[in-house]
Amino acid sequence: MSVRTKICGITQVEDLEAAVTAGADAVGFVVGVPASARDLSLERAARLVRQVPVFTSSVLVMVPGALDDLVEAYETIRPDILQVHGDGVPSVEKIREAIPGAALIKGIRSEPGEALRAAEEASGFDAVLLDTFFPRVQGGTGMTHDWRISEKIRKNLSPRRLILAGGLTPSNVQEAIRTVRPYAVDVSTGVESRPGIKDHGKIASFIENVREVKL
């Protein structure tokens, strides 16, 4: 099995094109997270999503404050996939009722003693993204976590899919894949030259290194 790759935190067309050219399976756009250097307005995210080509999936990444915010963003941006983080995420039943047919990813953090429970509570989502736990921060920390916990969560989630995130780089992604055996890997800070701006060489190296590993 080939592990899929998502390049997250895209903020400009040049970085989108670099990710697509390198062969990314998905690209992520962060909306509604003002503390992040990768945060986009609805309008800018919509413009970028319209430039994502066929056969590359666009992912809207949000920490929603309310269901209405989620629906407005989804209807404005029209991504292929919706990825939600945070403790205030509406129930998956409410999201599916409001946005029927949407592919849904739930982001959880590898908080000691809580990650397994959080993964079980996300059972109604299509996939779970596991990121590094850092107090009051939802993703984008650039820090790794204990991949043995990730492996355990992946086994418990089966047959649902685990997406591994958190501190991945071109130099450590192969070890992470061999340890956890995820469905996909997600990277943002690990392929940046500075916050919010991607390093195109790192993107290419990351994806090449992912493709070298066969599970």
N, C-alpha and C. Protein backbone atom coordinates (compact mmCIF):
# COMPACT_ATOMS: atom_id res chain seq x y z
N MET A 1 0.83 -1.19 0.00
CA MET A 1 0.00 0.00 0.00
C MET A 1 0.87 1.24 0.00
N SER A 2 0.54 2.20 -0.83
CA SER A 2 1.23 3.48 -0.84
C SER A 2 0.52 4.44 0.10
N VAL A 3 1.29 5.11 0.94
CA VAL A 3 0.72 6.07 1.88
C VAL A 3 0.45 7.38 1.15
N ARG A 4 -0.69 7.96 1.41
CA ARG A 4 -1.07 9.21 0.76
C ARG A 4 -0.49 10.41 1.52
N THR A 5 -0.40 11.54 0.80
CA THR A 5 0.23 12.73 1.36
C THR A 5 -0.67 13.95 1.24
N LYS A 6 -0.77 14.69 2.34
CA LYS A 6 -1.48 15.98 2.33
C LYS A 6 -0.50 17.08 2.73
N ILE A 7 -0.44 18.12 1.91
CA ILE A 7 0.34 19.31 2.23
C ILE A 7 -0.64 20.34 2.76
N CYS A 8 -0.51 20.68 4.03
CA CYS A 8 -1.49 21.55 4.66
C CYS A 8 -0.94 22.96 4.86
N GLY A 9 -1.85 23.90 5.11
CA GLY A 9 -1.45 25.28 5.37
C GLY A 9 -1.02 26.03 4.13
N ILE A 10 -1.62 25.70 2.98
CA ILE A 10 -1.32 26.41 1.73
C ILE A 10 -1.90 27.83 1.83
N THR A 11 -1.07 28.83 1.48
CA THR A 11 -1.54 30.22 1.56
C THR A 11 -1.40 30.98 0.25
N GLN A 12 -0.68 30.40 -0.72
CA GLN A 12 -0.46 31.13 -1.97
C GLN A 12 -0.41 30.16 -3.14
N VAL A 13 -0.68 30.71 -4.32
CA VAL A 13 -0.79 29.90 -5.54
C VAL A 13 0.51 29.16 -5.83
N GLU A 14 1.65 29.82 -5.63
CA GLU A 14 2.93 29.19 -5.94
C GLU A 14 3.14 27.91 -5.13
N ASP A 15 2.73 27.94 -3.88
CA ASP A 15 2.88 26.75 -3.03
C ASP A 15 1.90 25.66 -3.42
N LEU A 16 0.71 26.05 -3.80
CA LEU A 16 -0.28 25.09 -4.29
C LEU A 16 0.26 24.37 -5.52
N GLU A 17 0.79 25.14 -6.46
CA GLU A 17 1.32 24.54 -7.69
C GLU A 17 2.49 23.62 -7.40
N ALA A 18 3.35 24.00 -6.45
CA ALA A 18 4.49 23.15 -6.09
C ALA A 18 4.03 21.83 -5.49
N ALA A 19 3.01 21.87 -4.65
CA ALA A 19 2.49 20.65 -4.03
C ALA A 19 1.87 19.74 -5.08
N VAL A 20 1.11 20.32 -5.99
CA VAL A 20 0.46 19.53 -7.04
C VAL A 20 1.51 18.91 -7.96
N THR A 21 2.49 19.71 -8.36
CA THR A 21 3.55 19.22 -9.25
C THR A 21 4.34 18.08 -8.61
N ALA A 22 4.56 18.18 -7.31
CA ALA A 22 5.31 17.13 -6.60
C ALA A 22 4.50 15.86 -6.41
N GLY A 23 3.18 15.95 -6.59
CA GLY A 23 2.34 14.77 -6.50
C GLY A 23 1.54 14.61 -5.23
N ALA A 24 1.27 15.71 -4.54
CA ALA A 24 0.44 15.63 -3.33
C ALA A 24 -0.94 15.07 -3.66
N ASP A 25 -1.44 14.21 -2.79
CA ASP A 25 -2.79 13.68 -2.97
C ASP A 25 -3.85 14.67 -2.52
N ALA A 26 -3.49 15.52 -1.55
CA ALA A 26 -4.43 16.50 -1.02
C ALA A 26 -3.68 17.74 -0.58
N VAL A 27 -4.39 18.86 -0.59
CA VAL A 27 -3.83 20.13 -0.11
C VAL A 27 -4.83 20.75 0.85
N GLY A 28 -4.31 21.34 1.95
CA GLY A 28 -5.19 21.85 2.99
C GLY A 28 -5.13 23.36 3.11
N PHE A 29 -6.30 23.95 3.43
CA PHE A 29 -6.44 25.39 3.56
C PHE A 29 -7.07 25.70 4.91
N VAL A 30 -6.38 26.49 5.73
CA VAL A 30 -6.82 26.79 7.10
C VAL A 30 -7.67 28.06 7.10
N VAL A 31 -8.84 27.97 7.73
CA VAL A 31 -9.77 29.11 7.79
C VAL A 31 -10.27 29.26 9.22
N GLY A 32 -10.37 30.50 9.67
CA GLY A 32 -10.96 30.75 10.99
C GLY A 32 -10.06 30.47 12.16
N VAL A 33 -8.74 30.53 11.94
CA VAL A 33 -7.77 30.31 13.01
C VAL A 33 -6.82 31.51 13.02
N PRO A 34 -7.24 32.65 13.53
CA PRO A 34 -6.46 33.89 13.43
C PRO A 34 -5.05 33.81 14.00
N ALA A 35 -4.83 32.93 14.98
CA ALA A 35 -3.51 32.82 15.59
C ALA A 35 -2.50 32.13 14.68
N SER A 36 -2.97 31.51 13.60
CA SER A 36 -2.09 30.78 12.69
C SER A 36 -1.59 31.67 11.56
N ALA A 37 -0.32 31.52 11.22
CA ALA A 37 0.24 32.24 10.07
C ALA A 37 -0.33 31.73 8.76
N ARG A 38 -1.06 30.62 8.83
CA ARG A 38 -1.62 30.01 7.62
C ARG A 38 -3.10 30.30 7.45
N ASP A 39 -3.64 31.14 8.31
CA ASP A 39 -5.08 31.45 8.29
C ASP A 39 -5.45 32.25 7.04
N LEU A 40 -6.57 31.88 6.43
CA LEU A 40 -7.06 32.53 5.22
C LEU A 40 -8.47 33.06 5.43
N SER A 41 -8.81 34.11 4.71
CA SER A 41 -10.20 34.54 4.66
C SER A 41 -11.00 33.54 3.84
N LEU A 42 -12.32 33.56 3.99
CA LEU A 42 -13.16 32.68 3.18
C LEU A 42 -12.92 32.92 1.70
N GLU A 43 -12.82 34.19 1.32
CA GLU A 43 -12.70 34.53 -0.09
C GLU A 43 -11.37 34.04 -0.67
N ARG A 44 -10.29 34.24 0.07
CA ARG A 44 -8.99 33.79 -0.44
C ARG A 44 -8.94 32.26 -0.50
N ALA A 45 -9.46 31.60 0.50
CA ALA A 45 -9.48 30.14 0.47
C ALA A 45 -10.29 29.64 -0.72
N ALA A 46 -11.41 30.28 -0.99
CA ALA A 46 -12.25 29.87 -2.12
C ALA A 46 -11.51 30.04 -3.43
N ARG A 47 -10.76 31.15 -3.58
CA ARG A 47 -10.00 31.37 -4.81
C ARG A 47 -8.94 30.29 -5.00
N LEU A 48 -8.26 29.93 -3.92
CA LEU A 48 -7.23 28.90 -4.02
C LEU A 48 -7.83 27.54 -4.32
N VAL A 49 -8.93 27.20 -3.67
CA VAL A 49 -9.57 25.91 -3.90
C VAL A 49 -10.02 25.77 -5.35
N ARG A 50 -10.47 26.85 -5.95
CA ARG A 50 -10.89 26.79 -7.36
C ARG A 50 -9.72 26.45 -8.28
N GLN A 51 -8.50 26.63 -7.81
CA GLN A 51 -7.33 26.34 -8.64
C GLN A 51 -6.73 24.96 -8.38
N VAL A 52 -7.34 24.21 -7.48
CA VAL A 52 -6.88 22.84 -7.24
C VAL A 52 -7.36 21.96 -8.39
N PRO A 53 -6.45 21.26 -9.06
CA PRO A 53 -6.85 20.49 -10.24
C PRO A 53 -7.60 19.20 -9.90
N VAL A 54 -8.22 18.66 -10.90
CA VAL A 54 -8.88 17.35 -10.79
C VAL A 54 -7.84 16.31 -10.35
N PHE A 55 -8.27 15.38 -9.51
CA PHE A 55 -7.46 14.30 -8.96
C PHE A 55 -6.55 14.73 -7.80
N THR A 56 -6.63 15.99 -7.40
CA THR A 56 -6.01 16.43 -6.14
C THR A 56 -7.14 16.92 -5.25
N SER A 57 -7.22 16.41 -4.03
CA SER A 57 -8.33 16.76 -3.14
C SER A 57 -8.03 18.05 -2.37
N SER A 58 -9.04 18.91 -2.27
CA SER A 58 -8.93 20.12 -1.47
C SER A 58 -9.57 19.87 -0.11
N VAL A 59 -8.88 20.32 0.95
CA VAL A 59 -9.34 20.08 2.32
C VAL A 59 -9.48 21.42 3.04
N LEU A 60 -10.67 21.70 3.54
CA LEU A 60 -10.91 22.87 4.37
C LEU A 60 -10.65 22.49 5.82
N VAL A 61 -9.74 23.20 6.49
CA VAL A 61 -9.35 22.90 7.87
C VAL A 61 -9.87 24.02 8.76
N MET A 62 -10.69 23.67 9.77
CA MET A 62 -11.31 24.67 10.64
C MET A 62 -11.32 24.24 12.10
N VAL A 63 -11.36 25.24 12.97
CA VAL A 63 -11.69 25.03 14.39
C VAL A 63 -13.00 25.78 14.59
N PRO A 64 -14.13 25.14 14.27
CA PRO A 64 -15.40 25.87 14.22
C PRO A 64 -15.92 26.27 15.59
N GLY A 65 -16.48 27.48 15.66
CA GLY A 65 -17.10 27.91 16.90
C GLY A 65 -18.56 27.51 16.97
N ALA A 66 -19.16 27.32 15.80
CA ALA A 66 -20.58 26.95 15.74
C ALA A 66 -20.84 26.26 14.41
N LEU A 67 -21.92 25.51 14.36
CA LEU A 67 -22.28 24.80 13.14
C LEU A 67 -22.51 25.77 11.99
N ASP A 68 -23.12 26.91 12.25
CA ASP A 68 -23.38 27.89 11.19
C ASP A 68 -22.08 28.37 10.55
N ASP A 69 -21.03 28.55 11.35
CA ASP A 69 -19.74 28.97 10.81
C ASP A 69 -19.19 27.92 9.85
N LEU A 70 -19.35 26.67 10.23
CA LEU A 70 -18.87 25.56 9.43
C LEU A 70 -19.61 25.50 8.10
N VAL A 71 -20.92 25.63 8.16
CA VAL A 71 -21.74 25.56 6.95
C VAL A 71 -21.42 26.72 6.02
N GLU A 72 -21.29 27.93 6.57
CA GLU A 72 -20.97 29.09 5.74
C GLU A 72 -19.64 28.92 5.02
N ALA A 73 -18.63 28.46 5.76
CA ALA A 73 -17.32 28.27 5.16
C ALA A 73 -17.36 27.19 4.08
N TYR A 74 -18.03 26.09 4.38
CA TYR A 74 -18.11 24.99 3.41
C TYR A 74 -18.82 25.44 2.13
N GLU A 75 -19.92 26.14 2.28
CA GLU A 75 -20.69 26.55 1.10
C GLU A 75 -19.97 27.64 0.31
N THR A 76 -19.16 28.44 0.96
CA THR A 76 -18.40 29.48 0.26
C THR A 76 -17.20 28.90 -0.47
N ILE A 77 -16.50 27.98 0.19
CA ILE A 77 -15.23 27.47 -0.34
C ILE A 77 -15.40 26.24 -1.22
N ARG A 78 -16.37 25.41 -0.91
CA ARG A 78 -16.67 24.19 -1.68
C ARG A 78 -15.47 23.25 -1.80
N PRO A 79 -14.91 22.82 -0.67
CA PRO A 79 -13.80 21.87 -0.71
C PRO A 79 -14.30 20.46 -0.98
N ASP A 80 -13.36 19.57 -1.26
CA ASP A 80 -13.71 18.16 -1.40
C ASP A 80 -13.90 17.50 -0.04
N ILE A 81 -13.14 17.96 0.95
CA ILE A 81 -13.12 17.33 2.27
C ILE A 81 -13.16 18.41 3.34
N LEU A 82 -13.82 18.11 4.46
CA LEU A 82 -13.90 19.03 5.59
C LEU A 82 -13.18 18.41 6.78
N GLN A 83 -12.20 19.13 7.33
CA GLN A 83 -11.42 18.65 8.48
C GLN A 83 -11.64 19.60 9.65
N VAL A 84 -12.11 19.07 10.78
CA VAL A 84 -12.46 19.92 11.92
C VAL A 84 -11.63 19.54 13.14
N HIS A 85 -11.26 20.58 13.91
CA HIS A 85 -10.47 20.41 15.13
C HIS A 85 -11.16 21.14 16.27
N GLY A 86 -10.77 20.79 17.50
CA GLY A 86 -11.22 21.55 18.65
C GLY A 86 -12.26 20.85 19.48
N ASP A 87 -12.44 21.34 20.71
CA ASP A 87 -13.39 20.75 21.63
C ASP A 87 -14.83 21.15 21.33
N GLY A 88 -15.01 22.24 20.59
CA GLY A 88 -16.36 22.73 20.32
C GLY A 88 -16.94 22.27 19.01
N VAL A 89 -16.37 21.22 18.43
CA VAL A 89 -16.86 20.72 17.14
C VAL A 89 -18.27 20.17 17.31
N PRO A 90 -19.21 20.57 16.44
CA PRO A 90 -20.56 19.99 16.50
C PRO A 90 -20.50 18.48 16.30
N SER A 91 -21.54 17.79 16.72
CA SER A 91 -21.56 16.34 16.56
C SER A 91 -21.52 15.99 15.08
N VAL A 92 -20.98 14.81 14.79
CA VAL A 92 -20.89 14.38 13.40
C VAL A 92 -22.28 14.24 12.79
N GLU A 93 -23.26 13.89 13.60
CA GLU A 93 -24.63 13.77 13.09
C GLU A 93 -25.15 15.13 12.62
N LYS A 94 -24.89 16.17 13.41
CA LYS A 94 -25.34 17.51 13.03
C LYS A 94 -24.61 18.02 11.79
N ILE A 95 -23.32 17.72 11.69
CA ILE A 95 -22.56 18.14 10.51
C ILE A 95 -23.10 17.45 9.27
N ARG A 96 -23.33 16.14 9.36
CA ARG A 96 -23.82 15.41 8.19
C ARG A 96 -25.22 15.86 7.79
N GLU A 97 -26.04 16.24 8.76
CA GLU A 97 -27.37 16.73 8.44
C GLU A 97 -27.30 18.09 7.74
N ALA A 98 -26.38 18.94 8.19
CA ALA A 98 -26.26 20.28 7.62
C ALA A 98 -25.50 20.30 6.30
N ILE A 99 -24.54 19.37 6.15
CA ILE A 99 -23.70 19.31 4.95
C ILE A 99 -23.72 17.88 4.43
N PRO A 100 -24.83 17.44 3.87
CA PRO A 100 -24.93 16.05 3.42
C PRO A 100 -23.93 15.72 2.32
N GLY A 101 -23.35 14.55 2.42
CA GLY A 101 -22.43 14.09 1.39
C GLY A 101 -21.00 14.52 1.58
N ALA A 102 -20.71 15.37 2.56
CA ALA A 102 -19.34 15.83 2.76
C ALA A 102 -18.47 14.73 3.36
N ALA A 103 -17.24 14.62 2.87
CA ALA A 103 -16.26 13.73 3.49
C ALA A 103 -15.70 14.45 4.71
N LEU A 104 -15.65 13.76 5.86
CA LEU A 104 -15.32 14.42 7.12
C LEU A 104 -14.12 13.79 7.81
N ILE A 105 -13.19 14.64 8.24
CA ILE A 105 -12.03 14.23 9.02
C ILE A 105 -12.10 14.93 10.37
N LYS A 106 -11.86 14.18 11.45
CA LYS A 106 -11.81 14.76 12.79
C LYS A 106 -10.37 14.80 13.27
N GLY A 107 -9.89 15.99 13.59
CA GLY A 107 -8.55 16.12 14.13
C GLY A 107 -8.55 15.92 15.64
N ILE A 108 -7.67 15.07 16.13
CA ILE A 108 -7.51 14.88 17.58
C ILE A 108 -6.03 15.04 17.92
N ARG A 109 -5.75 15.28 19.20
CA ARG A 109 -4.37 15.48 19.63
C ARG A 109 -3.92 14.33 20.52
N SER A 110 -2.63 14.05 20.48
CA SER A 110 -2.08 12.88 21.18
C SER A 110 -1.87 13.17 22.66
N GLU A 111 -2.89 13.71 23.32
CA GLU A 111 -2.80 14.01 24.74
C GLU A 111 -2.71 12.70 25.53
N PRO A 112 -1.73 12.57 26.41
CA PRO A 112 -1.59 11.32 27.17
C PRO A 112 -2.88 10.93 27.89
N GLY A 113 -3.30 9.70 27.67
CA GLY A 113 -4.49 9.20 28.35
C GLY A 113 -5.80 9.59 27.72
N GLU A 114 -5.77 10.47 26.73
CA GLU A 114 -7.01 10.97 26.14
C GLU A 114 -7.15 10.61 24.67
N ALA A 115 -6.05 10.33 24.00
CA ALA A 115 -6.09 10.14 22.55
C ALA A 115 -6.96 8.96 22.14
N LEU A 116 -6.85 7.84 22.86
CA LEU A 116 -7.65 6.67 22.50
C LEU A 116 -9.14 6.95 22.67
N ARG A 117 -9.49 7.61 23.76
CA ARG A 117 -10.90 7.95 23.99
C ARG A 117 -11.40 8.91 22.90
N ALA A 118 -10.59 9.91 22.57
CA ALA A 118 -10.99 10.87 21.55
C ALA A 118 -11.18 10.20 20.20
N ALA A 119 -10.32 9.24 19.88
CA ALA A 119 -10.44 8.52 18.62
C ALA A 119 -11.73 7.71 18.57
N GLU A 120 -12.08 7.10 19.70
CA GLU A 120 -13.33 6.33 19.75
C GLU A 120 -14.54 7.24 19.59
N GLU A 121 -14.48 8.44 20.17
CA GLU A 121 -15.59 9.38 20.06
C GLU A 121 -15.75 9.93 18.65
N ALA A 122 -14.70 9.82 17.84
CA ALA A 122 -14.75 10.30 16.46
C ALA A 122 -15.17 9.21 15.49
N SER A 123 -15.83 8.18 16.00
CA SER A 123 -16.15 7.01 15.18
C SER A 123 -17.05 7.30 14.00
N GLY A 124 -17.83 8.38 14.06
CA GLY A 124 -18.73 8.67 12.95
C GLY A 124 -18.09 9.40 11.79
N PHE A 125 -16.83 9.82 11.97
CA PHE A 125 -16.13 10.53 10.90
C PHE A 125 -15.50 9.53 9.93
N ASP A 126 -15.17 10.00 8.73
CA ASP A 126 -14.60 9.11 7.72
C ASP A 126 -13.14 8.77 8.01
N ALA A 127 -12.44 9.67 8.68
CA ALA A 127 -11.04 9.44 9.04
C ALA A 127 -10.71 10.29 10.26
N VAL A 128 -9.64 9.90 10.94
CA VAL A 128 -9.15 10.65 12.10
C VAL A 128 -7.73 11.11 11.81
N LEU A 129 -7.47 12.40 12.07
CA LEU A 129 -6.12 12.94 11.94
C LEU A 129 -5.55 13.11 13.34
N LEU A 130 -4.41 12.48 13.59
CA LEU A 130 -3.78 12.53 14.90
C LEU A 130 -2.61 13.49 14.87
N ASP A 131 -2.69 14.54 15.69
CA ASP A 131 -1.65 15.57 15.75
C ASP A 131 -1.02 15.58 17.14
N THR A 132 0.05 16.33 17.27
CA THR A 132 0.75 16.44 18.54
C THR A 132 -0.04 17.28 19.54
N PHE A 133 -0.10 16.81 20.78
CA PHE A 133 -0.78 17.59 21.82
C PHE A 133 0.12 18.72 22.30
N PHE A 134 -0.45 19.92 22.31
CA PHE A 134 0.22 21.09 22.87
C PHE A 134 -0.88 21.98 23.43
N PRO A 135 -0.82 22.36 24.71
CA PRO A 135 -1.93 23.09 25.33
C PRO A 135 -2.37 24.31 24.53
N ARG A 136 -3.67 24.40 24.30
CA ARG A 136 -4.31 25.55 23.66
C ARG A 136 -3.91 25.75 22.21
N VAL A 137 -3.28 24.75 21.60
CA VAL A 137 -2.89 24.86 20.19
C VAL A 137 -3.50 23.71 19.43
N GLN A 138 -4.17 24.03 18.30
CA GLN A 138 -4.79 23.01 17.46
C GLN A 138 -3.99 22.83 16.18
N GLY A 139 -2.92 22.02 16.24
CA GLY A 139 -2.14 21.73 15.05
C GLY A 139 -1.12 22.81 14.74
N GLY A 140 -0.24 22.48 13.77
CA GLY A 140 0.75 23.43 13.33
C GLY A 140 1.85 23.71 14.34
N THR A 141 2.09 22.77 15.27
CA THR A 141 3.11 23.00 16.30
C THR A 141 4.52 22.68 15.80
N GLY A 142 4.62 21.81 14.78
CA GLY A 142 5.93 21.38 14.31
C GLY A 142 6.61 20.39 15.23
N MET A 143 5.87 19.84 16.19
CA MET A 143 6.43 18.92 17.18
C MET A 143 5.90 17.50 16.95
N THR A 144 6.78 16.52 17.13
CA THR A 144 6.36 15.13 17.00
C THR A 144 5.76 14.65 18.33
N HIS A 145 5.18 13.44 18.29
CA HIS A 145 4.67 12.82 19.51
C HIS A 145 5.07 11.35 19.50
N ASP A 146 4.60 10.62 20.49
CA ASP A 146 4.97 9.21 20.64
C ASP A 146 4.24 8.39 19.57
N TRP A 147 4.99 7.95 18.57
CA TRP A 147 4.36 7.22 17.47
C TRP A 147 3.83 5.85 17.90
N ARG A 148 4.28 5.34 19.05
CA ARG A 148 3.73 4.07 19.55
C ARG A 148 2.26 4.25 19.94
N ILE A 149 1.93 5.44 20.48
CA ILE A 149 0.53 5.75 20.76
C ILE A 149 -0.26 5.82 19.46
N SER A 150 0.35 6.43 18.47
CA SER A 150 -0.31 6.55 17.16
C SER A 150 -0.60 5.19 16.56
N GLU A 151 0.36 4.28 16.70
CA GLU A 151 0.17 2.93 16.17
C GLU A 151 -1.00 2.24 16.87
N LYS A 152 -1.08 2.39 18.18
CA LYS A 152 -2.16 1.77 18.94
C LYS A 152 -3.52 2.33 18.51
N ILE A 153 -3.58 3.64 18.32
CA ILE A 153 -4.82 4.26 17.87
C ILE A 153 -5.19 3.76 16.48
N ARG A 154 -4.21 3.64 15.62
CA ARG A 154 -4.48 3.15 14.26
C ARG A 154 -5.09 1.75 14.29
N LYS A 155 -4.58 0.89 15.14
CA LYS A 155 -5.12 -0.46 15.26
C LYS A 155 -6.55 -0.44 15.79
N ASN A 156 -6.81 0.43 16.76
CA ASN A 156 -8.15 0.52 17.34
C ASN A 156 -9.15 1.12 16.37
N LEU A 157 -8.68 1.97 15.48
CA LEU A 157 -9.57 2.64 14.53
C LEU A 157 -10.02 1.74 13.39
N SER A 158 -9.21 0.77 13.05
CA SER A 158 -9.48 -0.07 11.88
C SER A 158 -10.93 -0.58 11.90
N PRO A 159 -11.63 -0.52 10.75
CA PRO A 159 -11.15 -0.22 9.41
C PRO A 159 -11.17 1.26 9.03
N ARG A 160 -11.56 2.14 9.96
CA ARG A 160 -11.46 3.56 9.63
C ARG A 160 -9.99 3.97 9.51
N ARG A 161 -9.76 5.10 8.85
CA ARG A 161 -8.40 5.44 8.46
C ARG A 161 -7.77 6.49 9.37
N LEU A 162 -6.47 6.30 9.62
CA LEU A 162 -5.71 7.24 10.44
C LEU A 162 -4.78 8.06 9.55
N ILE A 163 -4.83 9.38 9.74
CA ILE A 163 -3.91 10.30 9.08
C ILE A 163 -2.94 10.79 10.15
N LEU A 164 -1.66 10.62 9.92
CA LEU A 164 -0.65 10.99 10.92
C LEU A 164 -0.10 12.38 10.63
N ALA A 165 -0.10 13.24 11.65
CA ALA A 165 0.45 14.59 11.54
C ALA A 165 1.29 14.86 12.78
N GLY A 166 1.91 16.03 12.82
CA GLY A 166 2.65 16.44 14.00
C GLY A 166 4.15 16.30 13.86
N GLY A 167 4.82 17.38 13.46
CA GLY A 167 6.28 17.39 13.42
C GLY A 167 6.92 16.56 12.34
N LEU A 168 6.16 16.16 11.34
CA LEU A 168 6.74 15.36 10.25
C LEU A 168 7.60 16.24 9.36
N THR A 169 8.70 15.66 8.86
CA THR A 169 9.64 16.35 7.98
C THR A 169 10.11 15.37 6.92
N PRO A 170 10.81 15.86 5.89
CA PRO A 170 11.37 14.92 4.92
C PRO A 170 12.30 13.89 5.56
N SER A 171 12.97 14.25 6.65
CA SER A 171 13.95 13.34 7.25
C SER A 171 13.36 12.30 8.19
N ASN A 172 12.17 12.55 8.74
CA ASN A 172 11.62 11.57 9.70
C ASN A 172 10.36 10.87 9.21
N VAL A 173 9.85 11.24 8.06
CA VAL A 173 8.54 10.71 7.65
C VAL A 173 8.60 9.22 7.36
N GLN A 174 9.72 8.71 6.85
CA GLN A 174 9.78 7.28 6.56
C GLN A 174 9.73 6.46 7.85
N GLU A 175 10.45 6.89 8.86
CA GLU A 175 10.40 6.19 10.15
C GLU A 175 8.99 6.23 10.73
N ALA A 176 8.34 7.39 10.61
CA ALA A 176 6.97 7.53 11.12
C ALA A 176 6.03 6.56 10.42
N ILE A 177 6.15 6.46 9.12
CA ILE A 177 5.27 5.58 8.35
C ILE A 177 5.51 4.12 8.74
N ARG A 178 6.76 3.72 8.84
CA ARG A 178 7.06 2.32 9.17
C ARG A 178 6.59 1.96 10.58
N THR A 179 6.60 2.93 11.49
CA THR A 179 6.17 2.68 12.86
C THR A 179 4.66 2.62 12.98
N VAL A 180 3.99 3.60 12.40
CA VAL A 180 2.54 3.77 12.60
C VAL A 180 1.72 3.06 11.54
N ARG A 181 2.22 2.99 10.30
CA ARG A 181 1.51 2.42 9.16
C ARG A 181 0.17 3.15 8.93
N PRO A 182 0.22 4.46 8.78
CA PRO A 182 -1.02 5.22 8.60
C PRO A 182 -1.56 5.13 7.18
N TYR A 183 -2.79 5.54 7.02
CA TYR A 183 -3.38 5.66 5.69
C TYR A 183 -2.74 6.82 4.94
N ALA A 184 -2.47 7.91 5.66
CA ALA A 184 -1.90 9.11 5.03
C ALA A 184 -1.06 9.87 6.04
N VAL A 185 -0.21 10.75 5.54
CA VAL A 185 0.57 11.66 6.38
C VAL A 185 0.23 13.09 5.99
N ASP A 186 0.32 13.97 6.98
CA ASP A 186 -0.07 15.38 6.80
C ASP A 186 1.09 16.24 7.30
N VAL A 187 1.52 17.20 6.47
CA VAL A 187 2.64 18.05 6.85
C VAL A 187 2.32 19.50 6.55
N SER A 188 2.81 20.38 7.43
CA SER A 188 2.66 21.82 7.20
C SER A 188 3.98 22.52 7.53
N THR A 189 4.29 22.67 8.82
CA THR A 189 5.51 23.38 9.20
C THR A 189 6.78 22.68 8.73
N GLY A 190 6.72 21.36 8.58
CA GLY A 190 7.90 20.59 8.19
C GLY A 190 8.36 20.83 6.77
N VAL A 191 7.56 21.53 5.97
CA VAL A 191 7.97 21.85 4.59
C VAL A 191 7.88 23.36 4.35
N GLU A 192 8.14 24.13 5.39
CA GLU A 192 8.08 25.59 5.26
C GLU A 192 9.46 26.22 5.33
N SER A 193 9.60 27.36 4.64
CA SER A 193 10.81 28.17 4.75
C SER A 193 10.64 29.20 5.87
N ARG A 194 9.40 29.62 6.09
CA ARG A 194 9.02 30.47 7.22
C ARG A 194 7.53 30.27 7.43
N PRO A 195 6.98 30.66 8.58
CA PRO A 195 5.57 30.37 8.85
C PRO A 195 4.63 30.84 7.75
N GLY A 196 3.89 29.89 7.20
CA GLY A 196 2.91 30.20 6.17
C GLY A 196 3.42 30.14 4.75
N ILE A 197 4.73 30.00 4.57
CA ILE A 197 5.33 29.97 3.23
C ILE A 197 6.07 28.65 3.06
N LYS A 198 5.75 27.93 1.99
CA LYS A 198 6.33 26.61 1.79
C LYS A 198 7.68 26.67 1.09
N ASP A 199 8.51 25.69 1.40
CA ASP A 199 9.78 25.46 0.71
C ASP A 199 9.52 24.38 -0.33
N HIS A 200 9.61 24.74 -1.60
CA HIS A 200 9.20 23.82 -2.66
C HIS A 200 10.12 22.60 -2.72
N GLY A 201 11.38 22.78 -2.41
CA GLY A 201 12.29 21.64 -2.38
C GLY A 201 11.94 20.66 -1.28
N LYS A 202 11.55 21.18 -0.12
CA LYS A 202 11.14 20.31 0.99
C LYS A 202 9.86 19.56 0.66
N ILE A 203 8.93 20.23 -0.03
CA ILE A 203 7.70 19.54 -0.44
C ILE A 203 8.04 18.35 -1.32
N ALA A 204 8.89 18.59 -2.33
CA ALA A 204 9.25 17.52 -3.26
C ALA A 204 9.96 16.38 -2.53
N SER A 205 10.88 16.71 -1.63
CA SER A 205 11.61 15.67 -0.88
C SER A 205 10.67 14.88 0.02
N PHE A 206 9.76 15.57 0.67
CA PHE A 206 8.81 14.90 1.56
C PHE A 206 7.99 13.88 0.79
N ILE A 207 7.41 14.29 -0.31
CA ILE A 207 6.55 13.38 -1.08
C ILE A 207 7.36 12.24 -1.67
N GLU A 208 8.56 12.53 -2.15
CA GLU A 208 9.42 11.47 -2.69
C GLU A 208 9.74 10.44 -1.61
N ASN A 209 10.05 10.90 -0.41
CA ASN A 209 10.38 9.98 0.68
C ASN A 209 9.17 9.15 1.11
N VAL A 210 8.00 9.75 1.09
CA VAL A 210 6.78 8.99 1.40
C VAL A 210 6.58 7.87 0.39
N ARG A 211 6.77 8.19 -0.86
CA ARG A 211 6.51 7.22 -1.93
C ARG A 211 7.50 6.05 -1.91
N GLU A 212 8.65 6.26 -1.33
CA GLU A 212 9.64 5.18 -1.28
C GLU A 212 9.24 4.07 -0.32
N VAL A 213 8.34 4.37 0.61
CA VAL A 213 7.93 3.38 1.62
C VAL A 213 6.68 2.65 1.14
N LYS A 214 6.76 1.34 1.09
CA LYS A 214 5.61 0.51 0.71
C LYS A 214 5.20 -0.35 1.91
N LEU A 215 3.92 -0.30 2.23
CA LEU A 215 3.42 -1.07 3.37
C LEU A 215 2.70 -2.34 2.90
